[in-house]
Amino acid sequence: MTTLSMNDLVVSDFDSAEFLTDEETIAAYLTETFATGTQEEFIQALNTVARARGMTQLAKDTGLPRESLYKTLSGASKPRFDTIAKISSALGLNIAFVPRTL
């Protein structure tokens, strides 16, 4: 039997943004995070989606400065609802409310 040591292991970086390639996947990702996560986790998920789409393009589409988007999505502050709505719209998504399931 071969025994592996920590030196034998290779760990690669994982970036979930690489897998957010279409609107359906992005919508499912954000919906699930919003439903099951904290506010901070949702903002982090929105940040991941923004990186997947490109922060520069998102800044153009929202009309918000890129630096402002980085700050808003960094988790350092609590974003305003109108900012979240602008980002969602620029991503081609609608914000929807659905009944909770038990």
PDB file of N, CA and C in Angstrom:
ATOM      1  N   MET A   1       0.835  -1.176   0.000  1.00  0.00           N
ATOM      2  CA  MET A   1       0.000   0.000   0.000  1.00  0.00           C
ATOM      3  C   MET A   1       0.886   1.248   0.000  1.00  0.00           C
ATOM      4  N   THR A   2       0.535   2.216  -0.847  1.00  0.00           N
ATOM      5  CA  THR A   2       1.293   3.455  -0.951  1.00  0.00           C
ATOM      6  C   THR A   2       0.718   4.480   0.016  1.00  0.00           C
ATOM      7  N   THR A   3       1.583   5.136   0.734  1.00  0.00           N
ATOM      8  CA  THR A   3       1.169   6.176   1.662  1.00  0.00           C
ATOM      9  C   THR A   3       1.521   7.524   1.057  1.00  0.00           C
ATOM     10  N   LEU A   4       0.541   8.413   1.045  1.00  0.00           N
ATOM     11  CA  LEU A   4       0.763   9.759   0.525  1.00  0.00           C
ATOM     12  C   LEU A   4       1.053  10.715   1.668  1.00  0.00           C
ATOM     13  N   SER A   5       1.915  11.649   1.407  1.00  0.00           N
ATOM     14  CA  SER A   5       2.187  12.699   2.387  1.00  0.00           C
ATOM     15  C   SER A   5       1.593  14.002   1.870  1.00  0.00           C
ATOM     16  N   MET A   6       1.595  15.012   2.696  1.00  0.00           N
ATOM     17  CA  MET A   6       1.082  16.318   2.287  1.00  0.00           C
ATOM     18  C   MET A   6       1.852  16.864   1.092  1.00  0.00           C
ATOM     19  N   ASN A   7       3.116  16.511   0.957  1.00  0.00           N
ATOM     20  CA  ASN A   7       3.924  16.977  -0.167  1.00  0.00           C
ATOM     21  C   ASN A   7       3.482  16.349  -1.489  1.00  0.00           C
ATOM     22  N   ASP A   8       2.761  15.239  -1.421  1.00  0.00           N
ATOM     23  CA  ASP A   8       2.297  14.558  -2.626  1.00  0.00           C
ATOM     24  C   ASP A   8       0.993  15.147  -3.166  1.00  0.00           C
ATOM     25  N   LEU A   9       0.326  15.947  -2.366  1.00  0.00           N
ATOM     26  CA  LEU A   9      -0.968  16.492  -2.754  1.00  0.00           C
ATOM     27  C   LEU A   9      -0.804  17.777  -3.549  1.00  0.00           C
ATOM     28  N   VAL A  10      -1.631  17.921  -4.552  1.00  0.00           N
ATOM     29  CA  VAL A  10      -1.658  19.139  -5.345  1.00  0.00           C
ATOM     30  C   VAL A  10      -3.048  19.748  -5.193  1.00  0.00           C
ATOM     31  N   VAL A  11      -3.085  20.980  -4.786  1.00  0.00           N
ATOM     32  CA  VAL A  11      -4.348  21.682  -4.608  1.00  0.00           C
ATOM     33  C   VAL A  11      -4.396  22.814  -5.620  1.00  0.00           C
ATOM     34  N   SER A  12      -5.477  22.864  -6.354  1.00  0.00           N
ATOM     35  CA  SER A  12      -5.613  23.941  -7.332  1.00  0.00           C
ATOM     36  C   SER A  12      -6.658  24.939  -6.843  1.00  0.00           C
ATOM     37  N   ASP A  13      -6.546  26.155  -7.325  1.00  0.00           N
ATOM     38  CA  ASP A  13      -7.509  27.192  -6.975  1.00  0.00           C
ATOM     39  C   ASP A  13      -8.854  26.861  -7.601  1.00  0.00           C
ATOM     40  N   PHE A  14      -9.919  27.176  -6.880  1.00  0.00           N
ATOM     41  CA  PHE A  14     -11.268  26.983  -7.389  1.00  0.00           C
ATOM     42  C   PHE A  14     -11.951  28.329  -7.400  1.00  0.00           C
ATOM     43  N   ASP A  15     -12.500  28.703  -8.529  1.00  0.00           N
ATOM     44  CA  ASP A  15     -13.233  29.954  -8.643  1.00  0.00           C
ATOM     45  C   ASP A  15     -14.589  29.639  -9.251  1.00  0.00           C
ATOM     46  N   SER A  16     -15.631  29.743  -8.433  1.00  0.00           N
ATOM     47  CA  SER A  16     -16.971  29.411  -8.911  1.00  0.00           C
ATOM     48  C   SER A  16     -17.425  30.332 -10.042  1.00  0.00           C
ATOM     49  N   ALA A  17     -16.807  31.497 -10.185  1.00  0.00           N
ATOM     50  CA  ALA A  17     -17.167  32.408 -11.273  1.00  0.00           C
ATOM     51  C   ALA A  17     -16.960  31.757 -12.640  1.00  0.00           C
ATOM     52  N   GLU A  18     -16.018  30.826 -12.724  1.00  0.00           N
ATOM     53  CA  GLU A  18     -15.745  30.152 -13.996  1.00  0.00           C
ATOM     54  C   GLU A  18     -16.913  29.293 -14.462  1.00  0.00           C
ATOM     55  N   PHE A  19     -17.802  28.916 -13.554  1.00  0.00           N
ATOM     56  CA  PHE A  19     -18.913  28.031 -13.879  1.00  0.00           C
ATOM     57  C   PHE A  19     -20.234  28.775 -14.058  1.00  0.00           C
ATOM     58  N   LEU A  20     -20.219  30.070 -13.843  1.00  0.00           N
ATOM     59  CA  LEU A  20     -21.430  30.879 -13.990  1.00  0.00           C
ATOM     60  C   LEU A  20     -21.461  31.460 -15.398  1.00  0.00           C
ATOM     61  N   THR A  21     -21.867  30.638 -16.344  1.00  0.00           N
ATOM     62  CA  THR A  21     -21.725  30.989 -17.755  1.00  0.00           C
ATOM     63  C   THR A  21     -23.023  31.353 -18.454  1.00  0.00           C
ATOM     64  N   ASP A  22     -24.172  31.154 -17.806  1.00  0.00           N
ATOM     65  CA  ASP A  22     -25.438  31.500 -18.458  1.00  0.00           C
ATOM     66  C   ASP A  22     -26.427  32.023 -17.419  1.00  0.00           C
ATOM     67  N   GLU A  23     -27.464  32.695 -17.904  1.00  0.00           N
ATOM     68  CA  GLU A  23     -28.425  33.347 -17.018  1.00  0.00           C
ATOM     69  C   GLU A  23     -29.128  32.366 -16.081  1.00  0.00           C
ATOM     70  N   GLU A  24     -29.459  31.177 -16.578  1.00  0.00           N
ATOM     71  CA  GLU A  24     -30.168  30.202 -15.749  1.00  0.00           C
ATOM     72  C   GLU A  24     -29.310  29.754 -14.563  1.00  0.00           C
ATOM     73  N   THR A  25     -28.047  29.486 -14.822  1.00  0.00           N
ATOM     74  CA  THR A  25     -27.139  29.066 -13.751  1.00  0.00           C
ATOM     75  C   THR A  25     -26.935  30.193 -12.752  1.00  0.00           C
ATOM     76  N   ILE A  26     -26.755  31.400 -13.264  1.00  0.00           N
ATOM     77  CA  ILE A  26     -26.566  32.562 -12.393  1.00  0.00           C
ATOM     78  C   ILE A  26     -27.804  32.795 -11.537  1.00  0.00           C
ATOM     79  N   ALA A  27     -28.986  32.728 -12.154  1.00  0.00           N
ATOM     80  CA  ALA A  27     -30.230  32.936 -11.410  1.00  0.00           C
ATOM     81  C   ALA A  27     -30.399  31.880 -10.322  1.00  0.00           C
ATOM     82  N   ALA A  28     -30.110  30.624 -10.642  1.00  0.00           N
ATOM     83  CA  ALA A  28     -30.233  29.546  -9.653  1.00  0.00           C
ATOM     84  C   ALA A  28     -29.243  29.751  -8.509  1.00  0.00           C
ATOM     85  N   TYR A  29     -28.022  30.146  -8.833  1.00  0.00           N
ATOM     86  CA  TYR A  29     -26.975  30.383  -7.835  1.00  0.00           C
ATOM     87  C   TYR A  29     -27.386  31.498  -6.872  1.00  0.00           C
ATOM     88  N   LEU A  30     -27.851  32.617  -7.422  1.00  0.00           N
ATOM     89  CA  LEU A  30     -28.245  33.741  -6.574  1.00  0.00           C
ATOM     90  C   LEU A  30     -29.509  33.432  -5.779  1.00  0.00           C
ATOM     91  N   THR A  31     -30.465  32.760  -6.402  1.00  0.00           N
ATOM     92  CA  THR A  31     -31.707  32.408  -5.708  1.00  0.00           C
ATOM     93  C   THR A  31     -31.429  31.504  -4.520  1.00  0.00           C
ATOM     94  N   GLU A  32     -30.611  30.492  -4.730  1.00  0.00           N
ATOM     95  CA  GLU A  32     -30.283  29.558  -3.643  1.00  0.00           C
ATOM     96  C   GLU A  32     -29.510  30.258  -2.527  1.00  0.00           C
ATOM     97  N   THR A  33     -28.571  31.109  -2.900  1.00  0.00           N
ATOM     98  CA  THR A  33     -27.795  31.827  -1.882  1.00  0.00           C
ATOM     99  C   THR A  33     -28.686  32.772  -1.090  1.00  0.00           C
ATOM    100  N   PHE A  34     -29.594  33.455  -1.783  1.00  0.00           N
ATOM    101  CA  PHE A  34     -30.506  34.371  -1.103  1.00  0.00           C
ATOM    102  C   PHE A  34     -31.428  33.611  -0.152  1.00  0.00           C
ATOM    103  N   ALA A  35     -31.901  32.442  -0.588  1.00  0.00           N
ATOM    104  CA  ALA A  35     -32.856  31.665   0.207  1.00  0.00           C
ATOM    105  C   ALA A  35     -32.213  30.992   1.412  1.00  0.00           C
ATOM    106  N   THR A  36     -30.963  30.594   1.290  1.00  0.00           N
ATOM    107  CA  THR A  36     -30.361  29.781   2.351  1.00  0.00           C
ATOM    108  C   THR A  36     -29.187  30.437   3.067  1.00  0.00           C
ATOM    109  N   GLY A  37     -28.688  31.527   2.527  1.00  0.00           N
ATOM    110  CA  GLY A  37     -27.496  32.139   3.104  1.00  0.00           C
ATOM    111  C   GLY A  37     -27.796  33.393   3.893  1.00  0.00           C
ATOM    112  N   THR A  38     -26.742  33.990   4.372  1.00  0.00           N
ATOM    113  CA  THR A  38     -26.840  35.264   5.080  1.00  0.00           C
ATOM    114  C   THR A  38     -26.765  36.403   4.067  1.00  0.00           C
ATOM    115  N   GLN A  39     -27.003  37.613   4.538  1.00  0.00           N
ATOM    116  CA  GLN A  39     -26.886  38.777   3.660  1.00  0.00           C
ATOM    117  C   GLN A  39     -25.463  38.875   3.115  1.00  0.00           C
ATOM    118  N   GLU A  40     -24.492  38.619   3.960  1.00  0.00           N
ATOM    119  CA  GLU A  40     -23.093  38.694   3.538  1.00  0.00           C
ATOM    120  C   GLU A  40     -22.783  37.650   2.466  1.00  0.00           C
ATOM    121  N   GLU A  41     -23.341  36.455   2.629  1.00  0.00           N
ATOM    122  CA  GLU A  41     -23.122  35.402   1.632  1.00  0.00           C
ATOM    123  C   GLU A  41     -23.776  35.755   0.304  1.00  0.00           C
ATOM    124  N   PHE A  42     -24.947  36.394   0.359  1.00  0.00           N
ATOM    125  CA  PHE A  42     -25.604  36.814  -0.875  1.00  0.00           C
ATOM    126  C   PHE A  42     -24.779  37.880  -1.596  1.00  0.00           C
ATOM    127  N   ILE A  43     -24.259  38.838  -0.868  1.00  0.00           N
ATOM    128  CA  ILE A  43     -23.428  39.886  -1.481  1.00  0.00           C
ATOM    129  C   ILE A  43     -22.176  39.261  -2.079  1.00  0.00           C
ATOM    130  N   GLN A  44     -21.585  38.287  -1.394  1.00  0.00           N
ATOM    131  CA  GLN A  44     -20.416  37.588  -1.938  1.00  0.00           C
ATOM    132  C   GLN A  44     -20.785  36.847  -3.220  1.00  0.00           C
ATOM    133  N   ALA A  45     -21.960  36.224  -3.241  1.00  0.00           N
ATOM    134  CA  ALA A  45     -22.421  35.529  -4.449  1.00  0.00           C
ATOM    135  C   ALA A  45     -22.622  36.524  -5.587  1.00  0.00           C
ATOM    136  N   LEU A  46     -23.188  37.680  -5.282  1.00  0.00           N
ATOM    137  CA  LEU A  46     -23.371  38.717  -6.300  1.00  0.00           C
ATOM    138  C   LEU A  46     -22.018  39.200  -6.812  1.00  0.00           C
ATOM    139  N   ASN A  47     -21.044  39.301  -5.931  1.00  0.00           N
ATOM    140  CA  ASN A  47     -19.682  39.660  -6.321  1.00  0.00           C
ATOM    141  C   ASN A  47     -19.103  38.612  -7.270  1.00  0.00           C
ATOM    142  N   THR A  48     -19.329  37.343  -6.967  1.00  0.00           N
ATOM    143  CA  THR A  48     -18.839  36.261  -7.824  1.00  0.00           C
ATOM    144  C   THR A  48     -19.467  36.348  -9.209  1.00  0.00           C
ATOM    145  N   VAL A  49     -20.763  36.615  -9.260  1.00  0.00           N
ATOM    146  CA  VAL A  49     -21.457  36.763 -10.546  1.00  0.00           C
ATOM    147  C   VAL A  49     -20.908  37.971 -11.302  1.00  0.00           C
ATOM    148  N   ALA A  50     -20.668  39.063 -10.590  1.00  0.00           N
ATOM    149  CA  ALA A  50     -20.118  40.263 -11.234  1.00  0.00           C
ATOM    150  C   ALA A  50     -18.750  39.970 -11.844  1.00  0.00           C
ATOM    151  N   ARG A  51     -17.920  39.216 -11.134  1.00  0.00           N
ATOM    152  CA  ARG A  51     -16.616  38.842 -11.682  1.00  0.00           C
ATOM    153  C   ARG A  51     -16.775  37.936 -12.898  1.00  0.00           C
ATOM    154  N   ALA A  52     -17.762  37.048 -12.849  1.00  0.00           N
ATOM    155  CA  ALA A  52     -17.997  36.143 -13.976  1.00  0.00           C
ATOM    156  C   ALA A  52     -18.398  36.920 -15.224  1.00  0.00           C
ATOM    157  N   ARG A  53     -19.168  37.968 -15.043  1.00  0.00           N
ATOM    158  CA  ARG A  53     -19.634  38.771 -16.170  1.00  0.00           C
ATOM    159  C   ARG A  53     -18.644  39.854 -16.582  1.00  0.00           C
ATOM    160  N   GLY A  54     -17.793  40.240 -15.659  1.00  0.00           N
ATOM    161  CA  GLY A  54     -16.827  41.304 -15.932  1.00  0.00           C
ATOM    162  C   GLY A  54     -17.242  42.589 -15.250  1.00  0.00           C
ATOM    163  N   MET A  55     -16.430  43.021 -14.309  1.00  0.00           N
ATOM    164  CA  MET A  55     -16.760  44.194 -13.509  1.00  0.00           C
ATOM    165  C   MET A  55     -16.817  45.463 -14.357  1.00  0.00           C
ATOM    166  N   THR A  56     -15.939  45.577 -15.342  1.00  0.00           N
ATOM    167  CA  THR A  56     -15.934  46.773 -16.193  1.00  0.00           C
ATOM    168  C   THR A  56     -17.229  46.874 -16.984  1.00  0.00           C
ATOM    169  N   GLN A  57     -17.666  45.768 -17.564  1.00  0.00           N
ATOM    170  CA  GLN A  57     -18.914  45.770 -18.329  1.00  0.00           C
ATOM    171  C   GLN A  57     -20.103  46.047 -17.417  1.00  0.00           C
ATOM    172  N   LEU A  58     -20.081  45.463 -16.230  1.00  0.00           N
ATOM    173  CA  LEU A  58     -21.172  45.690 -15.284  1.00  0.00           C
ATOM    174  C   LEU A  58     -21.233  47.158 -14.874  1.00  0.00           C
ATOM    175  N   ALA A  59     -20.085  47.780 -14.689  1.00  0.00           N
ATOM    176  CA  ALA A  59     -20.052  49.208 -14.359  1.00  0.00           C
ATOM    177  C   ALA A  59     -20.689  50.025 -15.476  1.00  0.00           C
ATOM    178  N   LYS A  60     -20.365  49.696 -16.719  1.00  0.00           N
ATOM    179  CA  LYS A  60     -20.970  50.403 -17.854  1.00  0.00           C
ATOM    180  C   LYS A  60     -22.477  50.198 -17.884  1.00  0.00           C
ATOM    181  N   ASP A  61     -22.906  48.954 -17.676  1.00  0.00           N
ATOM    182  CA  ASP A  61     -24.327  48.625 -17.765  1.00  0.00           C
ATOM    183  C   ASP A  61     -25.155  49.219 -16.631  1.00  0.00           C
ATOM    184  N   THR A  62     -24.549  49.395 -15.459  1.00  0.00           N
ATOM    185  CA  THR A  62     -25.278  49.965 -14.316  1.00  0.00           C
ATOM    186  C   THR A  62     -25.163  51.480 -14.255  1.00  0.00           C
ATOM    187  N   GLY A  63     -24.133  52.025 -14.895  1.00  0.00           N
ATOM    188  CA  GLY A  63     -23.880  53.450 -14.778  1.00  0.00           C
ATOM    189  C   GLY A  63     -23.175  53.805 -13.479  1.00  0.00           C
ATOM    190  N   LEU A  64     -22.712  52.791 -12.760  1.00  0.00           N
ATOM    191  CA  LEU A  64     -21.994  53.016 -11.503  1.00  0.00           C
ATOM    192  C   LEU A  64     -20.492  52.935 -11.753  1.00  0.00           C
ATOM    193  N   PRO A  65     -19.706  53.746 -11.068  1.00  0.00           N
ATOM    194  CA  PRO A  65     -18.249  53.643 -11.218  1.00  0.00           C
ATOM    195  C   PRO A  65     -17.759  52.255 -10.790  1.00  0.00           C
ATOM    196  N   ARG A  66     -16.765  51.753 -11.481  1.00  0.00           N
ATOM    197  CA  ARG A  66     -16.225  50.426 -11.184  1.00  0.00           C
ATOM    198  C   ARG A  66     -15.747  50.330  -9.738  1.00  0.00           C
ATOM    199  N   GLU A  67     -15.088  51.371  -9.254  1.00  0.00           N
ATOM    200  CA  GLU A  67     -14.595  51.372  -7.878  1.00  0.00           C
ATOM    201  C   GLU A  67     -15.751  51.257  -6.887  1.00  0.00           C
ATOM    202  N   SER A  68     -16.862  51.913  -7.217  1.00  0.00           N
ATOM    203  CA  SER A  68     -18.049  51.841  -6.368  1.00  0.00           C
ATOM    204  C   SER A  68     -18.613  50.423  -6.336  1.00  0.00           C
ATOM    205  N   LEU A  69     -18.603  49.755  -7.482  1.00  0.00           N
ATOM    206  CA  LEU A  69     -19.066  48.365  -7.530  1.00  0.00           C
ATOM    207  C   LEU A  69     -18.179  47.464  -6.677  1.00  0.00           C
ATOM    208  N   TYR A  70     -16.870  47.626  -6.819  1.00  0.00           N
ATOM    209  CA  TYR A  70     -15.947  46.826  -6.008  1.00  0.00           C
ATOM    210  C   TYR A  70     -16.227  47.026  -4.518  1.00  0.00           C
ATOM    211  N   LYS A  71     -16.411  48.279  -4.107  1.00  0.00           N
ATOM    212  CA  LYS A  71     -16.672  48.575  -2.698  1.00  0.00           C
ATOM    213  C   LYS A  71     -18.015  47.994  -2.269  1.00  0.00           C
ATOM    214  N   THR A  72     -19.030  48.174  -3.102  1.00  0.00           N
ATOM    215  CA  THR A  72     -20.366  47.673  -2.788  1.00  0.00           C
ATOM    216  C   THR A  72     -20.372  46.167  -2.614  1.00  0.00           C
ATOM    217  N   LEU A  73     -19.643  45.468  -3.474  1.00  0.00           N
ATOM    218  CA  LEU A  73     -19.671  44.009  -3.473  1.00  0.00           C
ATOM    219  C   LEU A  73     -18.557  43.379  -2.637  1.00  0.00           C
ATOM    220  N   SER A  74     -17.764  44.210  -1.969  1.00  0.00           N
ATOM    221  CA  SER A  74     -16.655  43.684  -1.162  1.00  0.00           C
ATOM    222  C   SER A  74     -17.115  43.125   0.178  1.00  0.00           C
ATOM    223  N   GLY A  75     -18.308  43.514   0.587  1.00  0.00           N
ATOM    224  CA  GLY A  75     -18.788  43.096   1.898  1.00  0.00           C
ATOM    225  C   GLY A  75     -18.421  44.076   2.993  1.00  0.00           C
ATOM    226  N   ALA A  76     -17.697  45.136   2.636  1.00  0.00           N
ATOM    227  CA  ALA A  76     -17.277  46.124   3.630  1.00  0.00           C
ATOM    228  C   ALA A  76     -18.423  47.040   4.053  1.00  0.00           C
ATOM    229  N   SER A  77     -19.457  47.127   3.211  1.00  0.00           N
ATOM    230  CA  SER A  77     -20.601  47.968   3.546  1.00  0.00           C
ATOM    231  C   SER A  77     -21.875  47.235   3.149  1.00  0.00           C
ATOM    232  N   LYS A  78     -22.988  47.745   3.609  1.00  0.00           N
ATOM    233  CA  LYS A  78     -24.273  47.149   3.254  1.00  0.00           C
ATOM    234  C   LYS A  78     -24.849  47.927   2.072  1.00  0.00           C
ATOM    235  N   PRO A  79     -24.968  47.267   0.918  1.00  0.00           N
ATOM    236  CA  PRO A  79     -25.458  47.969  -0.265  1.00  0.00           C
ATOM    237  C   PRO A  79     -26.929  48.364  -0.134  1.00  0.00           C
ATOM    238  N   ARG A  80     -27.272  49.445  -0.785  1.00  0.00           N
ATOM    239  CA  ARG A  80     -28.659  49.894  -0.822  1.00  0.00           C
ATOM    240  C   ARG A  80     -29.447  49.015  -1.786  1.00  0.00           C
ATOM    241  N   PHE A  81     -30.747  48.942  -1.567  1.00  0.00           N
ATOM    242  CA  PHE A  81     -31.589  48.109  -2.421  1.00  0.00           C
ATOM    243  C   PHE A  81     -31.548  48.584  -3.869  1.00  0.00           C
ATOM    244  N   ASP A  82     -31.552  49.898  -4.088  1.00  0.00           N
ATOM    245  CA  ASP A  82     -31.542  50.385  -5.472  1.00  0.00           C
ATOM    246  C   ASP A  82     -30.255  49.992  -6.195  1.00  0.00           C
ATOM    247  N   THR A  83     -29.162  49.869  -5.475  1.00  0.00           N
ATOM    248  CA  THR A  83     -27.907  49.416  -6.083  1.00  0.00           C
ATOM    249  C   THR A  83     -28.009  47.946  -6.463  1.00  0.00           C
ATOM    250  N   ILE A  84     -28.566  47.126  -5.571  1.00  0.00           N
ATOM    251  CA  ILE A  84     -28.769  45.706  -5.873  1.00  0.00           C
ATOM    252  C   ILE A  84     -29.700  45.567  -7.076  1.00  0.00           C
ATOM    253  N   ALA A  85     -30.737  46.384  -7.134  1.00  0.00           N
ATOM    254  CA  ALA A  85     -31.683  46.335  -8.255  1.00  0.00           C
ATOM    255  C   ALA A  85     -30.995  46.712  -9.566  1.00  0.00           C
ATOM    256  N   LYS A  86     -30.140  47.734  -9.554  1.00  0.00           N
ATOM    257  CA  LYS A  86     -29.399  48.127 -10.759  1.00  0.00           C
ATOM    258  C   LYS A  86     -28.478  47.006 -11.227  1.00  0.00           C
ATOM    259  N   ILE A  87     -27.782  46.395 -10.281  1.00  0.00           N
ATOM    260  CA  ILE A  87     -26.866  45.305 -10.620  1.00  0.00           C
ATOM    261  C   ILE A  87     -27.647  44.132 -11.195  1.00  0.00           C
ATOM    262  N   SER A  88     -28.742  43.773 -10.546  1.00  0.00           N
ATOM    263  CA  SER A  88     -29.571  42.660 -11.030  1.00  0.00           C
ATOM    264  C   SER A  88     -30.080  42.926 -12.437  1.00  0.00           C
ATOM    265  N   SER A  89     -30.565  44.124 -12.670  1.00  0.00           N
ATOM    266  CA  SER A  89     -31.072  44.486 -13.992  1.00  0.00           C
ATOM    267  C   SER A  89     -29.972  44.422 -15.042  1.00  0.00           C
ATOM    268  N   ALA A  90     -28.801  44.936 -14.707  1.00  0.00           N
ATOM    269  CA  ALA A  90     -27.674  44.917 -15.648  1.00  0.00           C
ATOM    270  C   ALA A  90     -27.225  43.493 -15.957  1.00  0.00           C
ATOM    271  N   LEU A  91     -27.456  42.576 -15.022  1.00  0.00           N
ATOM    272  CA  LEU A  91     -27.112  41.172 -15.240  1.00  0.00           C
ATOM    273  C   LEU A  91     -28.200  40.435 -16.016  1.00  0.00           C
ATOM    274  N   GLY A  92     -29.293  41.150 -16.328  1.00  0.00           N
ATOM    275  CA  GLY A  92     -30.391  40.531 -17.062  1.00  0.00           C
ATOM    276  C   GLY A  92     -31.303  39.709 -16.170  1.00  0.00           C
ATOM    277  N   LEU A  93     -31.337  40.058 -14.883  1.00  0.00           N
ATOM    278  CA  LEU A  93     -32.132  39.304 -13.913  1.00  0.00           C
ATOM    279  C   LEU A  93     -33.198  40.187 -13.288  1.00  0.00           C
ATOM    280  N   ASN A  94     -34.315  39.579 -12.938  1.00  0.00           N
ATOM    281  CA  ASN A  94     -35.363  40.244 -12.173  1.00  0.00           C
ATOM    282  C   ASN A  94     -35.294  39.761 -10.737  1.00  0.00           C
ATOM    283  N   ILE A  95     -35.641  40.638  -9.826  1.00  0.00           N
ATOM    284  CA  ILE A  95     -35.756  40.242  -8.429  1.00  0.00           C
ATOM    285  C   ILE A  95     -37.192  39.775  -8.231  1.00  0.00           C
ATOM    286  N   ALA A  96     -37.365  38.584  -7.684  1.00  0.00           N
ATOM    287  CA  ALA A  96     -38.702  38.025  -7.482  1.00  0.00           C
ATOM    288  C   ALA A  96     -38.831  37.495  -6.062  1.00  0.00           C
ATOM    289  N   PHE A  97     -40.044  37.528  -5.561  1.00  0.00           N
ATOM    290  CA  PHE A  97     -40.329  36.987  -4.240  1.00  0.00           C
ATOM    291  C   PHE A  97     -41.296  35.829  -4.406  1.00  0.00           C
ATOM    292  N   VAL A  98     -40.969  34.725  -3.771  1.00  0.00           N
ATOM    293  CA  VAL A  98     -41.803  33.527  -3.871  1.00  0.00           C
ATOM    294  C   VAL A  98     -42.125  33.031  -2.468  1.00  0.00           C
ATOM    295  N   PRO A  99     -43.246  32.336  -2.307  1.00  0.00           N
ATOM    296  CA  PRO A  99     -43.587  31.818  -0.981  1.00  0.00           C
ATOM    297  C   PRO A  99     -42.534  30.832  -0.487  1.00  0.00           C
ATOM    298  N   ARG A 100     -42.307  30.846   0.793  1.00  0.00           N
ATOM    299  CA  ARG A 100     -41.390  29.878   1.399  1.00  0.00           C
ATOM    300  C   ARG A 100     -42.041  28.506   1.394  1.00  0.00           C
ATOM    301  N   THR A 101     -41.229  27.508   1.219  1.00  0.00           N
ATOM    302  CA  THR A 101     -41.729  26.146   1.335  1.00  0.00           C
ATOM    303  C   THR A 101     -41.265  25.580   2.658  1.00  0.00           C
ATOM    304  N   LEU A 102     -42.080  24.774   3.252  1.00  0.00           N
ATOM    305  CA  LEU A 102     -41.728  24.199   4.554  1.00  0.00           C
ATOM    306  C   LEU A 102     -41.043  22.884   4.399  1.00  0.00           C
TER     307      LEU A 102
END
